[in-house]
Amino acid sequence: MAKKPPTPDDGDRLWQAVSGGVEPLQSKRKRAPVARPSATPGAKPITKLAQTRPAPVRAAPPPPRPAALPPLDKSRPAGIDKRTAERLKRGKLGVEARLDLHGLTQAEAHRRLDHFLAEAYDTGVRTAIIITGKGRISQDGGILRQMVPRWLNQAPNRGRVLAISEAQPKDGGTGALYVRVKKKR
């Protein structure tokens, strides 16, 4: 047996059935009486709308803060599923973009990294490699090797990156990072 399509009257009857027994809640607050001005000769009558007090102006609540993203860590890719994390770590995800920061100052490297990630995000690149070099200055390696993970954890880059992982030896080893970029919504 085929159902007939609902009519506008059906919607009205349904609404009446649902809301028919609803009564407004009683407020526990007592309203202050509205003072009515006395009538003066020649004055225009006050409309009911003008007699009511204006509602107090309240500041809009601040927008909700986005959930804090966990920090990126090249030793433990987070933010992606286990299988993708393993593939990223092993260098099995196809690298679609490459950025080489060898020989740059910190300021120039930071600017190029920001621009590179913004462009990768906008163009739909999912996996990129960032080459920092191993460095020889200290036991921890060069300054770019130390700073790039920090820069990736700062806004706006953190909002564009899902995970990072140290690159495989064929792609630069400890002197490079695989970066999994978020999809643009």
N, C-alpha and C. Protein backbone atom coordinates (compact mmCIF):
# COMPACT_ATOMS: atom_id res chain seq x y z
N MET A 1 0.84 -1.17 0.00
CA MET A 1 0.00 0.00 0.00
C MET A 1 0.89 1.24 0.00
N ALA A 2 0.71 2.14 -0.96
CA ALA A 2 1.53 3.34 -1.10
C ALA A 2 1.06 4.42 -0.13
N LYS A 3 2.04 5.14 0.45
CA LYS A 3 1.71 6.25 1.35
C LYS A 3 1.44 7.49 0.53
N LYS A 4 0.47 8.28 0.99
CA LYS A 4 0.21 9.53 0.30
C LYS A 4 1.14 10.60 0.86
N PRO A 5 1.56 11.56 0.05
CA PRO A 5 2.47 12.60 0.54
C PRO A 5 1.77 13.48 1.57
N PRO A 6 2.50 13.99 2.57
CA PRO A 6 1.89 14.83 3.60
C PRO A 6 1.46 16.17 3.01
N THR A 7 0.42 16.71 3.58
CA THR A 7 -0.09 18.02 3.16
C THR A 7 0.26 19.04 4.22
N PRO A 8 0.16 20.32 3.91
CA PRO A 8 0.44 21.35 4.92
C PRO A 8 -0.48 21.22 6.14
N ASP A 9 -1.71 20.77 5.95
CA ASP A 9 -2.62 20.60 7.08
C ASP A 9 -2.13 19.51 8.03
N ASP A 10 -1.49 18.47 7.47
CA ASP A 10 -0.96 17.40 8.32
C ASP A 10 0.10 17.96 9.27
N GLY A 11 0.96 18.86 8.76
CA GLY A 11 1.99 19.46 9.60
C GLY A 11 1.40 20.31 10.70
N ASP A 12 0.36 21.07 10.36
CA ASP A 12 -0.29 21.91 11.37
C ASP A 12 -0.94 21.05 12.45
N ARG A 13 -1.61 19.98 12.04
CA ARG A 13 -2.25 19.09 13.03
C ARG A 13 -1.20 18.42 13.93
N LEU A 14 -0.09 18.02 13.34
CA LEU A 14 0.98 17.40 14.14
C LEU A 14 1.53 18.40 15.15
N TRP A 15 1.77 19.64 14.71
CA TRP A 15 2.29 20.65 15.62
C TRP A 15 1.30 20.91 16.76
N GLN A 16 0.04 21.01 16.46
CA GLN A 16 -0.97 21.22 17.50
C GLN A 16 -1.00 20.06 18.47
N ALA A 17 -0.85 18.83 17.96
CA ALA A 17 -0.86 17.66 18.84
C ALA A 17 0.35 17.68 19.77
N VAL A 18 1.50 18.12 19.26
CA VAL A 18 2.72 18.13 20.07
C VAL A 18 2.72 19.29 21.05
N SER A 19 2.32 20.47 20.60
CA SER A 19 2.45 21.65 21.46
C SER A 19 1.15 22.04 22.16
N GLY A 20 0.09 21.29 21.96
CA GLY A 20 -1.20 21.66 22.52
C GLY A 20 -1.22 21.71 24.04
N GLY A 21 -0.55 20.80 24.72
CA GLY A 21 -0.59 20.76 26.18
C GLY A 21 0.56 21.51 26.84
N VAL A 22 1.31 22.27 26.09
CA VAL A 22 2.47 22.96 26.64
C VAL A 22 2.03 24.27 27.27
N GLU A 23 2.54 24.53 28.48
CA GLU A 23 2.24 25.78 29.18
C GLU A 23 3.57 26.47 29.46
N PRO A 24 3.59 27.79 29.42
CA PRO A 24 4.85 28.50 29.69
C PRO A 24 5.26 28.32 31.16
N LEU A 25 6.56 28.28 31.39
CA LEU A 25 7.09 28.19 32.75
C LEU A 25 6.84 29.50 33.48
N GLN A 26 6.59 29.40 34.76
CA GLN A 26 6.40 30.58 35.58
C GLN A 26 7.76 31.08 36.03
N SER A 27 8.00 32.36 35.85
CA SER A 27 9.27 32.94 36.25
C SER A 27 9.24 33.21 37.75
N LYS A 28 10.35 32.94 38.42
CA LYS A 28 10.44 33.20 39.86
C LYS A 28 10.78 34.67 40.12
N ARG A 29 11.30 35.35 39.10
CA ARG A 29 11.62 36.76 39.27
C ARG A 29 10.36 37.60 39.12
N LYS A 30 10.27 38.60 39.94
CA LYS A 30 9.14 39.52 39.83
C LYS A 30 9.58 40.68 38.94
N ARG A 31 8.72 41.04 38.06
CA ARG A 31 9.05 42.14 37.17
C ARG A 31 8.72 43.46 37.86
N ALA A 32 9.59 44.41 37.62
CA ALA A 32 9.36 45.74 38.17
C ALA A 32 8.23 46.40 37.38
N PRO A 33 7.35 47.10 38.07
CA PRO A 33 6.25 47.76 37.34
C PRO A 33 6.81 48.84 36.42
N VAL A 34 6.20 48.96 35.26
CA VAL A 34 6.62 49.95 34.28
C VAL A 34 5.94 51.26 34.63
N ALA A 35 6.76 52.29 34.80
CA ALA A 35 6.20 53.60 35.14
C ALA A 35 5.60 54.20 33.88
N ARG A 36 4.37 54.64 34.01
CA ARG A 36 3.69 55.24 32.87
C ARG A 36 3.63 56.74 33.08
N PRO A 37 4.05 57.48 32.10
CA PRO A 37 4.02 58.94 32.27
C PRO A 37 2.58 59.44 32.28
N SER A 38 2.40 60.50 33.00
CA SER A 38 1.04 61.07 33.06
C SER A 38 0.75 61.77 31.74
N ALA A 39 -0.49 61.76 31.40
CA ALA A 39 -0.90 62.38 30.14
C ALA A 39 -0.84 63.90 30.29
N THR A 40 -0.20 64.53 29.37
CA THR A 40 -0.13 65.99 29.37
C THR A 40 -0.88 66.48 28.15
N PRO A 41 -1.51 67.62 28.27
CA PRO A 41 -2.27 68.13 27.12
C PRO A 41 -1.35 68.39 25.94
N GLY A 42 -1.78 67.97 24.77
CA GLY A 42 -1.04 68.19 23.53
C GLY A 42 0.04 67.17 23.27
N ALA A 43 0.29 66.24 24.20
CA ALA A 43 1.33 65.23 23.99
C ALA A 43 0.78 64.11 23.15
N LYS A 44 1.63 63.52 22.35
CA LYS A 44 1.21 62.40 21.52
C LYS A 44 1.07 61.17 22.41
N PRO A 45 0.13 60.29 22.10
CA PRO A 45 0.00 59.08 22.90
C PRO A 45 1.23 58.18 22.71
N ILE A 46 1.62 57.52 23.78
CA ILE A 46 2.77 56.63 23.75
C ILE A 46 2.29 55.25 23.32
N THR A 47 2.99 54.69 22.36
CA THR A 47 2.62 53.35 21.91
C THR A 47 3.08 52.33 22.94
N LYS A 48 2.48 51.18 22.89
CA LYS A 48 2.82 50.12 23.84
C LYS A 48 4.29 49.73 23.72
N LEU A 49 4.82 49.74 22.48
CA LEU A 49 6.20 49.38 22.27
C LEU A 49 7.14 50.35 22.97
N ALA A 50 6.81 51.64 22.94
CA ALA A 50 7.65 52.65 23.56
C ALA A 50 7.58 52.58 25.08
N GLN A 51 6.52 51.98 25.64
CA GLN A 51 6.38 51.91 27.09
C GLN A 51 7.26 50.84 27.71
N THR A 52 7.66 49.86 26.96
CA THR A 52 8.47 48.78 27.53
C THR A 52 9.91 49.24 27.65
N ARG A 53 10.61 48.70 28.64
CA ARG A 53 12.00 49.04 28.83
C ARG A 53 12.85 48.27 27.82
N PRO A 54 13.89 48.89 27.32
CA PRO A 54 14.76 48.15 26.41
C PRO A 54 15.52 47.07 27.17
N ALA A 55 15.79 46.01 26.50
CA ALA A 55 16.53 44.92 27.12
C ALA A 55 17.96 45.37 27.38
N PRO A 56 18.53 44.93 28.48
CA PRO A 56 19.92 45.33 28.75
C PRO A 56 20.84 44.77 27.68
N VAL A 57 21.82 45.56 27.31
CA VAL A 57 22.78 45.14 26.30
C VAL A 57 23.84 44.28 26.97
N ARG A 58 24.01 43.09 26.47
CA ARG A 58 25.01 42.18 27.03
C ARG A 58 26.03 41.88 25.95
N ALA A 59 27.26 41.78 26.38
CA ALA A 59 28.33 41.46 25.44
C ALA A 59 28.15 40.03 24.95
N ALA A 60 28.41 39.83 23.69
CA ALA A 60 28.30 38.48 23.13
C ALA A 60 29.38 37.61 23.75
N PRO A 61 29.05 36.36 24.01
CA PRO A 61 30.07 35.49 24.60
C PRO A 61 31.21 35.29 23.60
N PRO A 62 32.42 35.10 24.09
CA PRO A 62 33.54 34.91 23.17
C PRO A 62 33.34 33.62 22.39
N PRO A 63 33.87 33.57 21.17
CA PRO A 63 33.72 32.34 20.40
C PRO A 63 34.45 31.20 21.10
N PRO A 64 33.95 29.98 20.92
CA PRO A 64 34.62 28.87 21.60
C PRO A 64 36.04 28.69 21.08
N ARG A 65 36.93 28.37 21.98
CA ARG A 65 38.31 28.15 21.60
C ARG A 65 38.43 26.79 20.93
N PRO A 66 39.21 26.71 19.86
CA PRO A 66 39.39 25.41 19.24
C PRO A 66 40.14 24.49 20.19
N ALA A 67 39.85 23.21 20.08
CA ALA A 67 40.52 22.25 20.94
C ALA A 67 42.02 22.34 20.69
N ALA A 68 42.78 22.33 21.77
CA ALA A 68 44.23 22.40 21.65
C ALA A 68 44.74 21.15 20.94
N LEU A 69 45.55 21.38 19.95
CA LEU A 69 46.11 20.26 19.21
C LEU A 69 47.31 19.72 19.97
N PRO A 70 47.49 18.40 19.98
CA PRO A 70 48.66 17.86 20.67
C PRO A 70 49.92 18.26 19.93
N PRO A 71 51.02 18.44 20.64
CA PRO A 71 52.25 18.84 19.96
C PRO A 71 52.75 17.75 19.02
N LEU A 72 53.33 18.19 17.93
CA LEU A 72 53.90 17.25 16.97
C LEU A 72 55.21 16.73 17.52
N ASP A 73 55.46 15.44 17.33
CA ASP A 73 56.68 14.82 17.81
C ASP A 73 57.17 13.89 16.71
N LYS A 74 58.41 14.11 16.27
CA LYS A 74 58.91 13.31 15.15
C LYS A 74 59.17 11.86 15.51
N SER A 75 59.25 11.55 16.78
CA SER A 75 59.47 10.15 17.16
C SER A 75 58.16 9.38 17.31
N ARG A 76 57.05 10.09 17.53
CA ARG A 76 55.73 9.44 17.67
C ARG A 76 54.70 10.19 16.83
N PRO A 77 54.50 9.80 15.58
CA PRO A 77 53.48 10.51 14.79
C PRO A 77 52.10 10.34 15.40
N ALA A 78 51.47 11.44 15.71
CA ALA A 78 50.11 11.42 16.25
C ALA A 78 49.23 12.21 15.31
N GLY A 79 47.94 12.07 15.45
CA GLY A 79 47.02 12.83 14.61
C GLY A 79 46.61 12.08 13.36
N ILE A 80 47.18 10.90 13.16
CA ILE A 80 46.82 10.08 12.02
C ILE A 80 46.66 8.65 12.50
N ASP A 81 45.99 7.83 11.70
CA ASP A 81 45.78 6.45 12.11
C ASP A 81 47.11 5.68 12.11
N LYS A 82 47.11 4.55 12.77
CA LYS A 82 48.33 3.77 12.99
C LYS A 82 48.99 3.35 11.67
N ARG A 83 48.17 2.91 10.73
CA ARG A 83 48.70 2.42 9.45
C ARG A 83 49.38 3.55 8.68
N THR A 84 48.73 4.71 8.63
CA THR A 84 49.30 5.85 7.93
C THR A 84 50.56 6.33 8.64
N ALA A 85 50.56 6.30 9.98
CA ALA A 85 51.74 6.69 10.75
C ALA A 85 52.93 5.79 10.40
N GLU A 86 52.68 4.49 10.32
CA GLU A 86 53.75 3.54 9.96
C GLU A 86 54.26 3.80 8.55
N ARG A 87 53.34 4.05 7.63
CA ARG A 87 53.74 4.31 6.24
C ARG A 87 54.53 5.62 6.15
N LEU A 88 54.15 6.63 6.93
CA LEU A 88 54.89 7.89 6.94
C LEU A 88 56.29 7.66 7.49
N LYS A 89 56.38 6.96 8.59
CA LYS A 89 57.66 6.69 9.25
C LYS A 89 58.61 5.91 8.33
N ARG A 90 58.07 4.98 7.55
CA ARG A 90 58.89 4.15 6.66
C ARG A 90 59.13 4.78 5.30
N GLY A 91 58.58 5.95 5.07
CA GLY A 91 58.78 6.64 3.80
C GLY A 91 57.99 6.03 2.66
N LYS A 92 56.90 5.35 2.97
CA LYS A 92 56.09 4.67 1.95
C LYS A 92 54.98 5.55 1.37
N LEU A 93 54.75 6.72 1.95
CA LEU A 93 53.76 7.64 1.37
C LEU A 93 54.49 8.47 0.32
N GLY A 94 53.90 8.60 -0.83
CA GLY A 94 54.55 9.34 -1.91
C GLY A 94 54.78 10.79 -1.55
N VAL A 95 56.04 11.23 -1.62
CA VAL A 95 56.38 12.62 -1.33
C VAL A 95 55.97 13.47 -2.52
N GLU A 96 55.09 14.43 -2.28
CA GLU A 96 54.55 15.27 -3.34
C GLU A 96 55.23 16.63 -3.44
N ALA A 97 55.93 17.05 -2.37
CA ALA A 97 56.60 18.35 -2.37
C ALA A 97 57.84 18.26 -1.51
N ARG A 98 58.83 19.08 -1.84
CA ARG A 98 60.12 19.04 -1.15
C ARG A 98 60.59 20.46 -0.88
N LEU A 99 61.11 20.70 0.33
CA LEU A 99 61.66 22.00 0.70
C LEU A 99 63.05 21.76 1.29
N ASP A 100 64.06 22.40 0.71
CA ASP A 100 65.44 22.26 1.18
C ASP A 100 65.85 23.57 1.85
N LEU A 101 66.17 23.52 3.13
CA LEU A 101 66.52 24.70 3.90
C LEU A 101 68.03 24.83 4.13
N HIS A 102 68.84 24.00 3.48
CA HIS A 102 70.30 24.06 3.65
C HIS A 102 70.83 25.47 3.43
N GLY A 103 71.70 25.92 4.32
CA GLY A 103 72.41 27.17 4.13
C GLY A 103 71.61 28.44 4.36
N LEU A 104 70.38 28.34 4.82
CA LEU A 104 69.57 29.54 5.06
C LEU A 104 69.71 30.02 6.50
N THR A 105 69.48 31.31 6.71
CA THR A 105 69.43 31.82 8.08
C THR A 105 68.12 31.35 8.71
N GLN A 106 68.03 31.47 10.02
CA GLN A 106 66.80 31.07 10.71
C GLN A 106 65.61 31.86 10.21
N ALA A 107 65.77 33.16 10.06
CA ALA A 107 64.65 34.01 9.63
C ALA A 107 64.18 33.61 8.24
N GLU A 108 65.12 33.43 7.32
CA GLU A 108 64.75 33.07 5.96
C GLU A 108 64.14 31.67 5.91
N ALA A 109 64.70 30.74 6.68
CA ALA A 109 64.17 29.37 6.72
C ALA A 109 62.75 29.36 7.28
N HIS A 110 62.50 30.15 8.31
CA HIS A 110 61.17 30.21 8.91
C HIS A 110 60.16 30.77 7.91
N ARG A 111 60.52 31.84 7.21
CA ARG A 111 59.64 32.42 6.20
C ARG A 111 59.33 31.42 5.09
N ARG A 112 60.36 30.74 4.61
CA ARG A 112 60.15 29.77 3.52
C ARG A 112 59.30 28.59 3.99
N LEU A 113 59.52 28.14 5.22
CA LEU A 113 58.72 27.04 5.75
C LEU A 113 57.25 27.44 5.84
N ASP A 114 56.97 28.62 6.38
CA ASP A 114 55.59 29.10 6.49
C ASP A 114 54.93 29.18 5.11
N HIS A 115 55.64 29.75 4.15
CA HIS A 115 55.10 29.89 2.80
C HIS A 115 54.90 28.52 2.15
N PHE A 116 55.86 27.64 2.32
CA PHE A 116 55.79 26.30 1.74
C PHE A 116 54.58 25.54 2.27
N LEU A 117 54.37 25.56 3.59
CA LEU A 117 53.24 24.83 4.19
C LEU A 117 51.89 25.45 3.78
N ALA A 118 51.83 26.77 3.70
CA ALA A 118 50.59 27.42 3.27
C ALA A 118 50.25 27.00 1.84
N GLU A 119 51.25 26.99 0.98
CA GLU A 119 51.03 26.60 -0.42
C GLU A 119 50.68 25.12 -0.52
N ALA A 120 51.37 24.28 0.25
CA ALA A 120 51.07 22.84 0.23
C ALA A 120 49.65 22.58 0.68
N TYR A 121 49.23 23.26 1.73
CA TYR A 121 47.87 23.11 2.26
C TYR A 121 46.84 23.57 1.23
N ASP A 122 47.09 24.73 0.62
CA ASP A 122 46.14 25.29 -0.35
C ASP A 122 46.04 24.47 -1.63
N THR A 123 47.13 23.82 -2.04
CA THR A 123 47.12 23.06 -3.29
C THR A 123 46.78 21.59 -3.09
N GLY A 124 46.60 21.15 -1.87
CA GLY A 124 46.18 19.78 -1.62
C GLY A 124 47.31 18.77 -1.51
N VAL A 125 48.54 19.24 -1.29
CA VAL A 125 49.66 18.32 -1.07
C VAL A 125 49.43 17.62 0.25
N ARG A 126 49.59 16.31 0.29
CA ARG A 126 49.35 15.56 1.52
C ARG A 126 50.65 15.17 2.23
N THR A 127 51.70 14.82 1.48
CA THR A 127 52.96 14.41 2.10
C THR A 127 54.10 15.23 1.50
N ALA A 128 54.90 15.82 2.38
CA ALA A 128 56.03 16.64 1.94
C ALA A 128 57.26 16.23 2.73
N ILE A 129 58.41 16.62 2.23
CA ILE A 129 59.65 16.39 2.96
C ILE A 129 60.34 17.73 3.13
N ILE A 130 60.81 17.98 4.35
CA ILE A 130 61.53 19.21 4.65
C ILE A 130 62.94 18.81 5.03
N ILE A 131 63.91 19.31 4.27
CA ILE A 131 65.31 18.96 4.50
C ILE A 131 65.95 20.10 5.28
N THR A 132 66.41 19.77 6.49
CA THR A 132 67.05 20.77 7.35
C THR A 132 68.56 20.65 7.32
N GLY A 133 69.06 19.50 7.00
CA GLY A 133 70.48 19.23 7.12
C GLY A 133 70.77 18.73 8.52
N LYS A 134 71.88 18.05 8.68
CA LYS A 134 72.21 17.49 9.99
C LYS A 134 72.90 18.50 10.88
N GLY A 135 73.66 19.41 10.31
CA GLY A 135 74.35 20.43 11.09
C GLY A 135 75.55 19.87 11.81
N ARG A 136 76.49 20.77 12.16
CA ARG A 136 77.71 20.34 12.85
C ARG A 136 77.99 21.18 14.08
N ILE A 137 77.12 22.08 14.42
CA ILE A 137 77.43 23.04 15.48
C ILE A 137 77.44 22.41 16.86
N SER A 138 76.50 21.57 17.16
CA SER A 138 76.42 21.01 18.51
C SER A 138 76.11 19.52 18.44
N GLN A 139 76.05 18.93 19.60
CA GLN A 139 75.74 17.50 19.70
C GLN A 139 74.34 17.21 19.17
N ASP A 140 73.42 18.16 19.33
CA ASP A 140 72.04 17.99 18.87
C ASP A 140 71.86 18.29 17.39
N GLY A 141 72.92 18.70 16.73
CA GLY A 141 72.82 19.01 15.31
C GLY A 141 72.66 20.50 15.10
N GLY A 142 72.43 20.88 13.85
CA GLY A 142 72.31 22.28 13.49
C GLY A 142 71.07 22.94 14.04
N ILE A 143 71.08 24.26 13.95
CA ILE A 143 69.99 25.05 14.51
C ILE A 143 68.68 24.81 13.76
N LEU A 144 68.74 24.65 12.44
CA LEU A 144 67.51 24.41 11.68
C LEU A 144 66.91 23.06 12.04
N ARG A 145 67.74 22.09 12.27
CA ARG A 145 67.25 20.76 12.67
C ARG A 145 66.50 20.85 13.99
N GLN A 146 66.91 21.75 14.87
CA GLN A 146 66.24 21.93 16.15
C GLN A 146 64.99 22.80 16.02
N MET A 147 65.06 23.82 15.16
CA MET A 147 63.99 24.81 15.10
C MET A 147 62.80 24.39 14.25
N VAL A 148 63.01 23.64 13.19
CA VAL A 148 61.89 23.29 12.29
C VAL A 148 60.77 22.57 13.04
N PRO A 149 61.04 21.57 13.89
CA PRO A 149 59.93 20.96 14.64
C PRO A 149 59.19 21.97 15.53
N ARG A 150 59.91 22.92 16.10
CA ARG A 150 59.26 23.97 16.91
C ARG A 150 58.36 24.83 16.04
N TRP A 151 58.85 25.23 14.87
CA TRP A 151 58.06 26.07 13.98
C TRP A 151 56.83 25.33 13.47
N LEU A 152 56.95 24.04 13.28
CA LEU A 152 55.80 23.25 12.85
C LEU A 152 54.73 23.17 13.92
N ASN A 153 55.12 23.32 15.19
CA ASN A 153 54.18 23.27 16.31
C ASN A 153 53.55 24.63 16.60
N GLN A 154 54.00 25.69 15.93
CA GLN A 154 53.46 27.02 16.16
C GLN A 154 52.38 27.33 15.13
N ALA A 155 51.47 28.24 15.52
CA ALA A 155 50.44 28.70 14.59
C ALA A 155 51.11 29.53 13.51
N PRO A 156 50.65 29.53 12.31
CA PRO A 156 49.53 28.80 11.75
C PRO A 156 49.91 27.40 11.24
N ASN A 157 51.21 27.07 11.33
CA ASN A 157 51.66 25.79 10.78
C ASN A 157 51.02 24.60 11.47
N ARG A 158 50.83 24.65 12.77
CA ARG A 158 50.26 23.51 13.50
C ARG A 158 48.86 23.19 13.00
N GLY A 159 48.14 24.17 12.56
CA GLY A 159 46.80 23.96 12.03
C GLY A 159 46.80 23.31 10.65
N ARG A 160 47.94 23.28 10.00
CA ARG A 160 48.04 22.70 8.66
C ARG A 160 48.68 21.32 8.65
N VAL A 161 49.31 20.92 9.74
CA VAL A 161 50.10 19.69 9.78
C VAL A 161 49.44 18.66 10.68
N LEU A 162 49.32 17.43 10.17
CA LEU A 162 48.77 16.33 10.96
C LEU A 162 49.85 15.62 11.76
N ALA A 163 50.97 15.32 11.12
CA ALA A 163 52.02 14.55 11.79
C ALA A 163 53.35 14.80 11.10
N ILE A 164 54.43 14.55 11.86
CA ILE A 164 55.77 14.60 11.30
C ILE A 164 56.51 13.35 11.72
N SER A 165 57.52 13.00 10.94
CA SER A 165 58.34 11.84 11.27
C SER A 165 59.71 12.06 10.67
N GLU A 166 60.72 11.52 11.35
CA GLU A 166 62.08 11.60 10.83
C GLU A 166 62.14 10.80 9.53
N ALA A 167 62.86 11.32 8.56
CA ALA A 167 62.94 10.70 7.24
C ALA A 167 63.81 9.45 7.26
N GLN A 168 63.60 8.63 6.26
CA GLN A 168 64.43 7.44 6.06
C GLN A 168 65.79 7.88 5.51
N PRO A 169 66.84 7.04 5.69
CA PRO A 169 68.18 7.41 5.21
C PRO A 169 68.22 7.78 3.72
N LYS A 170 67.41 7.12 2.91
CA LYS A 170 67.41 7.42 1.47
C LYS A 170 66.89 8.83 1.18
N ASP A 171 66.13 9.41 2.11
CA ASP A 171 65.56 10.75 1.95
C ASP A 171 66.24 11.81 2.82
N GLY A 172 67.31 11.46 3.50
CA GLY A 172 68.02 12.44 4.32
C GLY A 172 68.17 12.05 5.77
N GLY A 173 67.52 10.99 6.20
CA GLY A 173 67.67 10.51 7.58
C GLY A 173 67.35 11.56 8.61
N THR A 174 68.26 11.73 9.57
CA THR A 174 68.01 12.66 10.67
C THR A 174 68.06 14.12 10.22
N GLY A 175 68.48 14.37 8.99
CA GLY A 175 68.54 15.74 8.48
C GLY A 175 67.30 16.13 7.69
N ALA A 176 66.23 15.33 7.79
CA ALA A 176 65.01 15.64 7.04
C ALA A 176 63.79 15.13 7.81
N LEU A 177 62.66 15.72 7.51
CA LEU A 177 61.40 15.33 8.15
C LEU A 177 60.34 15.07 7.09
N TYR A 178 59.58 13.99 7.29
CA TYR A 178 58.37 13.80 6.50
C TYR A 178 57.27 14.57 7.21
N VAL A 179 56.44 15.26 6.45
CA VAL A 179 55.34 16.05 7.00
C VAL A 179 54.05 15.61 6.33
N ARG A 180 53.07 15.23 7.14
CA ARG A 180 51.74 14.88 6.62
C ARG A 180 50.87 16.12 6.78
N VAL A 181 50.40 16.66 5.66
CA VAL A 181 49.64 17.91 5.64
C VAL A 181 48.14 17.58 5.69
N LYS A 182 47.39 18.40 6.40
CA LYS A 182 45.95 18.22 6.51
C LYS A 182 45.28 18.49 5.18
N LYS A 183 44.11 17.88 4.99
CA LYS A 183 43.28 18.18 3.82
C LYS A 183 42.63 19.54 4.05
N LYS A 184 42.51 20.29 2.97
CA LYS A 184 41.84 21.59 3.07
C LYS A 184 40.34 21.32 3.05
N ARG A 185 39.62 21.96 3.95
CA ARG A 185 38.17 21.73 4.05
C ARG A 185 37.43 22.53 3.04
